[in-house]
Amino acid sequence: MTGSSDYRRAITVAAGIDPDELRERRERLHALVAGHRPSGLVVFDQSYVQYLTGFSFLATERPVAYV
């Protein structure tokens, strides 16, 4: 895979969640917090990370990303 979009699609396919569904989930979250004008969002819980991104990891791992 050469591009970041190819990589993202591979992750979502592996997770079994349609990319459009993931986008809609993130859009709903954005609409929910938009009135508070946050400069970012930090998600630690494994289930929330998977719900919003499709990325899965073990509870003992501590993946970190700044986007």
N, C-alpha and C. Protein backbone atom coordinates (compact mmCIF):
# COMPACT_ATOMS: atom_id res chain seq x y z
N MET A 1 0.85 -1.18 0.00
CA MET A 1 0.00 0.00 0.00
C MET A 1 0.89 1.24 0.00
N THR A 2 0.53 2.17 -0.81
CA THR A 2 1.41 3.31 -1.00
C THR A 2 0.94 4.58 -0.30
N GLY A 3 -0.33 4.82 -0.25
CA GLY A 3 -0.82 6.07 0.31
C GLY A 3 -1.49 5.89 1.66
N SER A 4 -1.63 7.02 2.37
CA SER A 4 -2.26 6.96 3.69
C SER A 4 -3.73 6.56 3.58
N SER A 5 -4.40 6.94 2.50
CA SER A 5 -5.81 6.55 2.35
C SER A 5 -5.91 5.04 2.15
N ASP A 6 -4.95 4.43 1.44
CA ASP A 6 -4.94 2.98 1.29
C ASP A 6 -4.75 2.31 2.64
N TYR A 7 -3.87 2.87 3.46
CA TYR A 7 -3.61 2.33 4.79
C TYR A 7 -4.86 2.41 5.66
N ARG A 8 -5.52 3.56 5.66
CA ARG A 8 -6.75 3.74 6.45
C ARG A 8 -7.83 2.76 6.00
N ARG A 9 -7.98 2.59 4.71
CA ARG A 9 -8.99 1.67 4.19
C ARG A 9 -8.67 0.24 4.63
N ALA A 10 -7.40 -0.14 4.63
CA ALA A 10 -7.02 -1.49 5.06
C ALA A 10 -7.36 -1.71 6.52
N ILE A 11 -7.15 -0.70 7.36
CA ILE A 11 -7.47 -0.83 8.78
C ILE A 11 -8.97 -0.99 8.96
N THR A 12 -9.76 -0.18 8.29
CA THR A 12 -11.21 -0.26 8.48
C THR A 12 -11.77 -1.55 7.92
N VAL A 13 -11.22 -2.05 6.83
CA VAL A 13 -11.67 -3.32 6.29
C VAL A 13 -11.34 -4.43 7.27
N ALA A 14 -10.15 -4.40 7.86
CA ALA A 14 -9.75 -5.41 8.84
C ALA A 14 -10.65 -5.35 10.07
N ALA A 15 -11.08 -4.17 10.45
CA ALA A 15 -11.95 -4.01 11.62
C ALA A 15 -13.39 -4.38 11.29
N GLY A 16 -13.73 -4.48 10.01
CA GLY A 16 -15.08 -4.83 9.61
C GLY A 16 -16.07 -3.68 9.69
N ILE A 17 -15.57 -2.46 9.77
CA ILE A 17 -16.43 -1.29 9.86
C ILE A 17 -16.28 -0.48 8.57
N ASP A 18 -17.38 -0.21 7.94
CA ASP A 18 -17.36 0.54 6.68
C ASP A 18 -16.76 1.93 6.90
N PRO A 19 -15.89 2.39 6.02
CA PRO A 19 -15.28 3.73 6.17
C PRO A 19 -16.32 4.85 6.28
N ASP A 20 -17.44 4.72 5.57
CA ASP A 20 -18.49 5.74 5.66
C ASP A 20 -19.11 5.76 7.06
N GLU A 21 -19.26 4.59 7.66
CA GLU A 21 -19.79 4.51 9.02
C GLU A 21 -18.84 5.18 10.01
N LEU A 22 -17.55 4.95 9.86
CA LEU A 22 -16.57 5.59 10.74
C LEU A 22 -16.62 7.11 10.59
N ARG A 23 -16.74 7.58 9.35
CA ARG A 23 -16.83 9.02 9.10
C ARG A 23 -18.07 9.60 9.78
N GLU A 24 -19.20 8.92 9.65
CA GLU A 24 -20.43 9.39 10.28
C GLU A 24 -20.31 9.43 11.80
N ARG A 25 -19.64 8.46 12.37
CA ARG A 25 -19.43 8.45 13.82
C ARG A 25 -18.62 9.65 14.26
N ARG A 26 -17.55 9.94 13.52
CA ARG A 26 -16.72 11.10 13.87
C ARG A 26 -17.48 12.41 13.66
N GLU A 27 -18.31 12.46 12.63
CA GLU A 27 -19.11 13.67 12.39
C GLU A 27 -20.12 13.89 13.52
N ARG A 28 -20.73 12.81 14.02
CA ARG A 28 -21.67 12.94 15.14
C ARG A 28 -20.96 13.44 16.39
N LEU A 29 -19.76 12.92 16.64
CA LEU A 29 -18.99 13.38 17.79
C LEU A 29 -18.63 14.85 17.63
N HIS A 30 -18.22 15.24 16.44
CA HIS A 30 -17.86 16.64 16.19
C HIS A 30 -19.07 17.54 16.44
N ALA A 31 -20.23 17.15 15.95
CA ALA A 31 -21.45 17.95 16.15
C ALA A 31 -21.80 18.06 17.63
N LEU A 32 -21.55 17.00 18.38
CA LEU A 32 -21.86 16.99 19.80
C LEU A 32 -21.00 17.97 20.60
N VAL A 33 -19.72 18.09 20.24
CA VAL A 33 -18.81 18.93 21.02
C VAL A 33 -18.52 20.28 20.38
N ALA A 34 -19.01 20.52 19.17
CA ALA A 34 -18.68 21.74 18.42
C ALA A 34 -19.00 23.02 19.19
N GLY A 35 -20.08 23.03 19.95
CA GLY A 35 -20.46 24.22 20.70
C GLY A 35 -19.46 24.59 21.78
N HIS A 36 -18.64 23.65 22.20
CA HIS A 36 -17.63 23.90 23.22
C HIS A 36 -16.31 24.37 22.62
N ARG A 37 -16.22 24.33 21.29
CA ARG A 37 -15.03 24.75 20.54
C ARG A 37 -13.75 24.13 21.08
N PRO A 38 -13.68 22.81 21.17
CA PRO A 38 -12.45 22.18 21.67
C PRO A 38 -11.31 22.33 20.67
N SER A 39 -10.10 22.36 21.17
CA SER A 39 -8.95 22.40 20.27
C SER A 39 -8.47 20.99 19.94
N GLY A 40 -9.05 20.01 20.60
CA GLY A 40 -8.68 18.62 20.33
C GLY A 40 -9.54 17.67 21.13
N LEU A 41 -9.28 16.40 20.96
CA LEU A 41 -10.02 15.37 21.68
C LEU A 41 -9.04 14.25 21.98
N VAL A 42 -9.02 13.81 23.22
CA VAL A 42 -8.16 12.70 23.63
C VAL A 42 -9.06 11.53 24.00
N VAL A 43 -8.81 10.40 23.39
CA VAL A 43 -9.58 9.20 23.65
C VAL A 43 -8.62 8.11 24.08
N PHE A 44 -8.81 7.57 25.28
CA PHE A 44 -7.92 6.54 25.80
C PHE A 44 -8.54 5.15 25.79
N ASP A 45 -9.81 5.05 26.08
CA ASP A 45 -10.45 3.76 26.23
C ASP A 45 -10.42 2.99 24.92
N GLN A 46 -10.05 1.72 24.99
CA GLN A 46 -9.91 0.87 23.81
C GLN A 46 -11.21 0.83 22.99
N SER A 47 -12.34 0.74 23.64
CA SER A 47 -13.60 0.64 22.90
C SER A 47 -13.94 1.95 22.18
N TYR A 48 -13.61 3.09 22.78
CA TYR A 48 -13.86 4.38 22.13
C TYR A 48 -12.94 4.57 20.93
N VAL A 49 -11.68 4.18 21.08
CA VAL A 49 -10.73 4.28 19.97
C VAL A 49 -11.22 3.44 18.80
N GLN A 50 -11.64 2.21 19.08
CA GLN A 50 -12.12 1.35 18.00
C GLN A 50 -13.40 1.89 17.38
N TYR A 51 -14.30 2.41 18.21
CA TYR A 51 -15.57 2.94 17.71
C TYR A 51 -15.35 4.12 16.76
N LEU A 52 -14.40 4.99 17.08
CA LEU A 52 -14.18 6.19 16.28
C LEU A 52 -13.23 6.00 15.11
N THR A 53 -12.32 5.01 15.22
CA THR A 53 -11.28 4.88 14.20
C THR A 53 -11.22 3.53 13.52
N GLY A 54 -11.77 2.50 14.16
CA GLY A 54 -11.64 1.15 13.62
C GLY A 54 -10.34 0.49 14.02
N PHE A 55 -9.49 1.20 14.77
CA PHE A 55 -8.19 0.68 15.19
C PHE A 55 -8.37 -0.13 16.47
N SER A 56 -7.82 -1.35 16.47
CA SER A 56 -7.93 -2.23 17.63
C SER A 56 -6.55 -2.44 18.23
N PHE A 57 -6.50 -2.52 19.54
CA PHE A 57 -5.23 -2.81 20.22
C PHE A 57 -5.53 -3.52 21.52
N LEU A 58 -4.52 -4.13 22.08
CA LEU A 58 -4.67 -4.81 23.36
C LEU A 58 -4.74 -3.79 24.48
N ALA A 59 -5.47 -4.13 25.53
CA ALA A 59 -5.63 -3.21 26.66
C ALA A 59 -4.30 -2.89 27.32
N THR A 60 -3.29 -3.74 27.17
CA THR A 60 -1.98 -3.49 27.79
C THR A 60 -1.10 -2.60 26.93
N GLU A 61 -1.49 -2.35 25.69
CA GLU A 61 -0.73 -1.47 24.80
C GLU A 61 -1.18 -0.04 25.02
N ARG A 62 -0.35 0.91 24.73
CA ARG A 62 -0.68 2.32 24.88
C ARG A 62 -0.34 3.09 23.60
N PRO A 63 -1.13 2.88 22.54
CA PRO A 63 -0.85 3.63 21.31
C PRO A 63 -1.13 5.12 21.51
N VAL A 64 -0.30 5.94 20.89
CA VAL A 64 -0.45 7.40 21.02
C VAL A 64 -0.35 7.99 19.63
N ALA A 65 -1.22 8.95 19.34
CA ALA A 65 -1.16 9.64 18.05
C ALA A 65 -1.55 11.09 18.26
N TYR A 66 -0.91 11.99 17.54
CA TYR A 66 -1.27 13.40 17.53
C TYR A 66 -1.60 13.73 16.09
N VAL A 67 -2.84 14.15 15.84
CA VAL A 67 -3.28 14.43 14.47
C VAL A 67 -3.67 15.88 14.36
